[in-house]
N, C-alpha and C. Protein backbone atom coordinates (compact mmCIF):
# COMPACT_ATOMS: atom_id res chain seq x y z
N MET A 1 -66.09 -15.04 -53.32
CA MET A 1 -65.56 -15.28 -52.37
C MET A 1 -65.86 -14.30 -51.10
N ALA A 2 -66.38 -14.71 -50.00
CA ALA A 2 -66.66 -13.95 -48.84
C ALA A 2 -65.57 -13.28 -48.37
N GLN A 3 -65.61 -12.16 -47.84
CA GLN A 3 -64.59 -11.28 -47.10
C GLN A 3 -64.64 -11.86 -45.64
N ARG A 4 -63.48 -11.95 -44.99
CA ARG A 4 -63.39 -12.12 -43.55
C ARG A 4 -63.76 -10.93 -42.90
N LYS A 5 -64.27 -11.07 -41.73
CA LYS A 5 -64.62 -9.91 -41.08
C LYS A 5 -63.37 -9.47 -40.11
N LYS A 6 -63.15 -8.11 -40.16
CA LYS A 6 -61.69 -7.67 -39.60
C LYS A 6 -61.99 -7.93 -38.11
N LYS A 7 -61.05 -8.41 -37.39
CA LYS A 7 -60.90 -8.77 -36.04
C LYS A 7 -60.72 -7.32 -35.31
N GLN A 8 -61.33 -7.10 -34.20
CA GLN A 8 -60.94 -5.83 -33.38
C GLN A 8 -59.69 -6.15 -32.61
N GLN A 9 -58.99 -5.05 -32.04
CA GLN A 9 -57.91 -5.35 -31.14
C GLN A 9 -58.30 -5.76 -29.85
N ARG A 10 -57.56 -6.50 -29.18
CA ARG A 10 -57.87 -7.05 -28.09
C ARG A 10 -56.64 -7.16 -27.09
N ASP A 11 -56.71 -6.96 -25.85
CA ASP A 11 -55.73 -7.47 -24.84
C ASP A 11 -56.41 -7.93 -23.65
N ILE A 12 -56.53 -9.11 -23.44
CA ILE A 12 -57.17 -9.88 -22.51
C ILE A 12 -56.18 -10.68 -21.62
N GLU A 13 -56.25 -10.71 -20.25
CA GLU A 13 -55.85 -11.44 -19.28
C GLU A 13 -56.87 -12.33 -18.65
N LYS A 14 -56.81 -13.72 -18.69
CA LYS A 14 -57.68 -14.57 -18.03
C LYS A 14 -57.04 -15.44 -17.20
N ASN A 15 -57.51 -15.47 -15.95
CA ASN A 15 -57.03 -16.50 -14.95
C ASN A 15 -57.83 -17.77 -14.86
N TYR A 16 -56.99 -18.87 -14.80
CA TYR A 16 -57.65 -20.17 -14.78
C TYR A 16 -57.20 -20.90 -13.70
N PRO A 17 -58.12 -21.91 -13.24
CA PRO A 17 -57.66 -22.72 -12.04
C PRO A 17 -56.61 -23.62 -12.50
N THR A 18 -55.75 -24.04 -11.52
CA THR A 18 -54.46 -24.81 -11.90
C THR A 18 -54.82 -25.88 -12.77
N LYS A 19 -55.81 -26.71 -12.40
CA LYS A 19 -56.19 -27.95 -13.25
C LYS A 19 -56.60 -27.65 -14.68
N GLN A 20 -57.30 -26.45 -14.94
CA GLN A 20 -57.72 -26.09 -16.28
C GLN A 20 -56.52 -25.72 -16.91
N PHE A 21 -55.49 -24.91 -16.25
CA PHE A 21 -54.45 -24.36 -17.02
C PHE A 21 -53.41 -25.51 -17.45
N VAL A 22 -53.35 -26.51 -16.59
CA VAL A 22 -52.55 -27.64 -16.89
C VAL A 22 -53.06 -28.47 -18.06
N THR A 23 -54.41 -28.63 -18.09
CA THR A 23 -54.90 -29.22 -19.21
C THR A 23 -54.77 -28.51 -20.59
N LYS A 24 -54.92 -27.18 -20.50
CA LYS A 24 -54.60 -26.41 -21.50
C LYS A 24 -53.16 -26.46 -22.02
N LEU A 25 -52.10 -26.48 -21.22
CA LEU A 25 -50.91 -26.61 -21.59
C LEU A 25 -50.51 -27.97 -22.11
N ARG A 26 -51.10 -28.99 -21.66
CA ARG A 26 -50.87 -30.36 -22.21
C ARG A 26 -51.30 -30.40 -23.54
N ARG A 27 -52.50 -29.83 -23.95
CA ARG A 27 -53.14 -29.80 -25.18
C ARG A 27 -52.27 -29.10 -26.18
N LEU A 28 -51.75 -27.81 -25.56
CA LEU A 28 -50.87 -26.98 -26.40
C LEU A 28 -49.45 -27.75 -26.76
N ALA A 29 -48.91 -28.41 -25.83
CA ALA A 29 -47.71 -29.28 -26.00
C ALA A 29 -47.99 -30.25 -27.00
N ASP A 30 -48.97 -31.11 -26.84
CA ASP A 30 -49.42 -32.14 -27.85
C ASP A 30 -49.46 -31.49 -29.25
N CYS A 31 -50.16 -30.40 -29.36
CA CYS A 31 -50.23 -29.75 -30.77
C CYS A 31 -49.01 -29.31 -31.36
N ILE A 32 -47.94 -28.80 -30.43
CA ILE A 32 -46.62 -28.34 -31.03
C ILE A 32 -46.00 -29.40 -31.57
N GLU A 33 -46.01 -30.54 -30.62
CA GLU A 33 -45.13 -31.87 -31.00
C GLU A 33 -45.64 -32.48 -32.21
N GLN A 34 -46.98 -32.43 -32.63
CA GLN A 34 -47.72 -32.96 -33.78
C GLN A 34 -47.51 -31.97 -34.95
N ASN A 35 -46.94 -30.84 -34.75
CA ASN A 35 -47.03 -29.71 -35.72
C ASN A 35 -48.46 -29.52 -36.10
N ALA A 36 -49.43 -29.41 -35.20
CA ALA A 36 -50.69 -29.29 -35.61
C ALA A 36 -51.25 -28.03 -35.10
N ARG A 37 -52.52 -27.55 -35.65
CA ARG A 37 -53.26 -26.40 -35.37
C ARG A 37 -53.60 -26.53 -33.87
N PHE A 38 -53.48 -25.46 -32.97
CA PHE A 38 -54.18 -25.42 -31.63
C PHE A 38 -55.24 -24.46 -31.65
N ARG A 39 -56.34 -25.02 -30.97
CA ARG A 39 -57.70 -24.21 -30.88
C ARG A 39 -57.85 -24.04 -29.36
N ILE A 40 -58.26 -22.69 -29.06
CA ILE A 40 -58.60 -22.50 -27.66
C ILE A 40 -59.50 -21.39 -27.82
N GLN A 41 -60.40 -21.37 -26.66
CA GLN A 41 -61.35 -20.32 -26.33
C GLN A 41 -60.89 -19.52 -25.01
N VAL A 42 -60.72 -18.06 -25.45
CA VAL A 42 -60.34 -17.30 -24.24
C VAL A 42 -61.24 -16.12 -24.02
N ALA A 43 -61.87 -15.99 -22.93
CA ALA A 43 -62.81 -15.02 -22.50
C ALA A 43 -63.83 -14.79 -23.68
N GLY A 44 -64.54 -16.04 -24.09
CA GLY A 44 -65.44 -16.06 -25.11
C GLY A 44 -65.21 -16.00 -26.61
N GLU A 45 -63.91 -15.89 -27.02
CA GLU A 45 -63.42 -15.80 -28.39
C GLU A 45 -62.65 -16.91 -28.60
N ARG A 46 -63.03 -17.76 -29.79
CA ARG A 46 -62.23 -18.72 -30.32
C ARG A 46 -61.03 -18.20 -31.02
N VAL A 47 -59.89 -18.94 -30.58
CA VAL A 47 -58.58 -18.57 -31.25
C VAL A 47 -58.02 -19.73 -31.98
N SER A 48 -57.50 -19.78 -33.19
CA SER A 48 -57.00 -20.91 -33.89
C SER A 48 -55.41 -20.46 -33.97
N ILE A 49 -54.64 -21.23 -33.58
CA ILE A 49 -53.06 -20.86 -33.62
C ILE A 49 -52.50 -21.91 -34.76
N PRO A 50 -51.97 -21.35 -35.71
CA PRO A 50 -51.40 -22.24 -36.70
C PRO A 50 -50.03 -22.94 -36.24
N PRO A 51 -49.69 -24.10 -36.78
CA PRO A 51 -48.56 -24.73 -36.30
C PRO A 51 -47.10 -24.03 -36.62
N ASP A 52 -47.27 -23.10 -37.56
CA ASP A 52 -46.00 -22.36 -37.79
C ASP A 52 -45.78 -21.10 -37.02
N ALA A 53 -46.59 -20.91 -35.93
CA ALA A 53 -46.48 -19.72 -34.89
C ALA A 53 -45.08 -19.71 -34.36
N THR A 54 -44.66 -18.57 -34.13
CA THR A 54 -43.47 -18.29 -33.47
C THR A 54 -43.62 -18.56 -31.90
N ILE A 55 -42.89 -19.34 -31.20
CA ILE A 55 -43.05 -19.51 -29.84
C ILE A 55 -41.78 -18.78 -29.05
N ASN A 56 -42.16 -18.13 -28.06
CA ASN A 56 -41.11 -17.57 -27.30
C ASN A 56 -41.47 -17.51 -25.85
N ILE A 57 -40.53 -17.05 -24.84
CA ILE A 57 -40.90 -16.99 -23.40
C ILE A 57 -40.17 -15.68 -23.08
N GLU A 58 -41.15 -14.76 -22.29
CA GLU A 58 -40.55 -13.63 -21.90
C GLU A 58 -40.63 -13.60 -20.51
N HIS A 59 -39.69 -12.78 -19.93
CA HIS A 59 -39.50 -12.71 -18.40
C HIS A 59 -39.37 -11.29 -18.19
N GLU A 60 -40.16 -10.82 -17.14
CA GLU A 60 -40.24 -9.48 -16.84
C GLU A 60 -40.01 -9.31 -15.33
N ARG A 61 -39.40 -8.24 -14.90
CA ARG A 61 -38.96 -7.99 -13.53
C ARG A 61 -39.31 -6.52 -13.20
N GLU A 62 -40.22 -6.07 -12.29
CA GLU A 62 -40.33 -4.58 -12.03
C GLU A 62 -41.05 -4.52 -10.93
N ASP A 63 -40.71 -3.43 -10.03
CA ASP A 63 -41.62 -3.03 -8.95
C ASP A 63 -41.86 -4.25 -8.02
N GLY A 64 -40.87 -5.08 -7.78
CA GLY A 64 -41.20 -6.13 -6.67
C GLY A 64 -41.97 -7.35 -7.27
N THR A 65 -42.23 -7.36 -8.63
CA THR A 65 -43.01 -8.51 -9.15
C THR A 65 -42.16 -9.06 -10.38
N GLU A 66 -42.33 -10.29 -10.53
CA GLU A 66 -41.95 -11.06 -11.71
C GLU A 66 -42.98 -11.68 -12.40
N GLU A 67 -42.70 -11.92 -13.74
CA GLU A 67 -43.75 -12.40 -14.68
C GLU A 67 -43.06 -13.30 -15.88
N ILE A 68 -43.46 -14.33 -16.07
CA ILE A 68 -43.17 -15.21 -17.15
C ILE A 68 -44.30 -15.32 -18.10
N GLU A 69 -44.02 -15.09 -19.45
CA GLU A 69 -45.22 -15.28 -20.40
C GLU A 69 -44.70 -16.24 -21.50
N PHE A 70 -45.51 -17.18 -21.55
CA PHE A 70 -45.35 -18.10 -22.76
C PHE A 70 -46.09 -17.53 -23.94
N GLN A 71 -45.49 -17.11 -25.12
CA GLN A 71 -46.13 -16.46 -26.33
C GLN A 71 -46.08 -17.22 -27.30
N LEU A 72 -47.23 -17.19 -28.10
CA LEU A 72 -47.29 -17.71 -29.58
C LEU A 72 -47.73 -16.60 -30.31
N LYS A 73 -46.98 -16.24 -31.48
CA LYS A 73 -47.20 -15.05 -32.34
C LYS A 73 -47.36 -15.57 -33.73
N TRP A 74 -48.38 -15.02 -34.60
CA TRP A 74 -48.55 -15.35 -35.93
C TRP A 74 -49.13 -14.33 -36.67
N SER A 75 -49.22 -14.26 -37.74
CA SER A 75 -49.78 -13.22 -38.77
C SER A 75 -51.17 -13.68 -39.07
N ILE A 76 -51.99 -12.68 -39.13
CA ILE A 76 -53.49 -12.81 -39.42
C ILE A 76 -53.57 -12.45 -40.88
N PRO A 77 -54.11 -13.50 -41.63
CA PRO A 77 -54.30 -13.09 -43.12
C PRO A 77 -55.35 -12.03 -43.32
N GLU A 78 -55.20 -11.17 -44.28
CA GLU A 78 -55.99 -10.08 -44.53
C GLU A 78 -57.26 -10.56 -45.51
């Protein structure tokens, strides 16, 4: 059995035009409703999110700015 290549650590923020962002959110919502895997490419890397990923919303406020993050977290098999 072939070993999986270990993924490097990564922390990317990617801005999208509103229309593209809305399309991605709709696809994500459809996958969540269907309990299906969501696949997306971010800054050149393909990411596959399993249907059992933990979903949370984070709100931050500091130094005159506010931020909302919609997060999906899951474990990476070794």
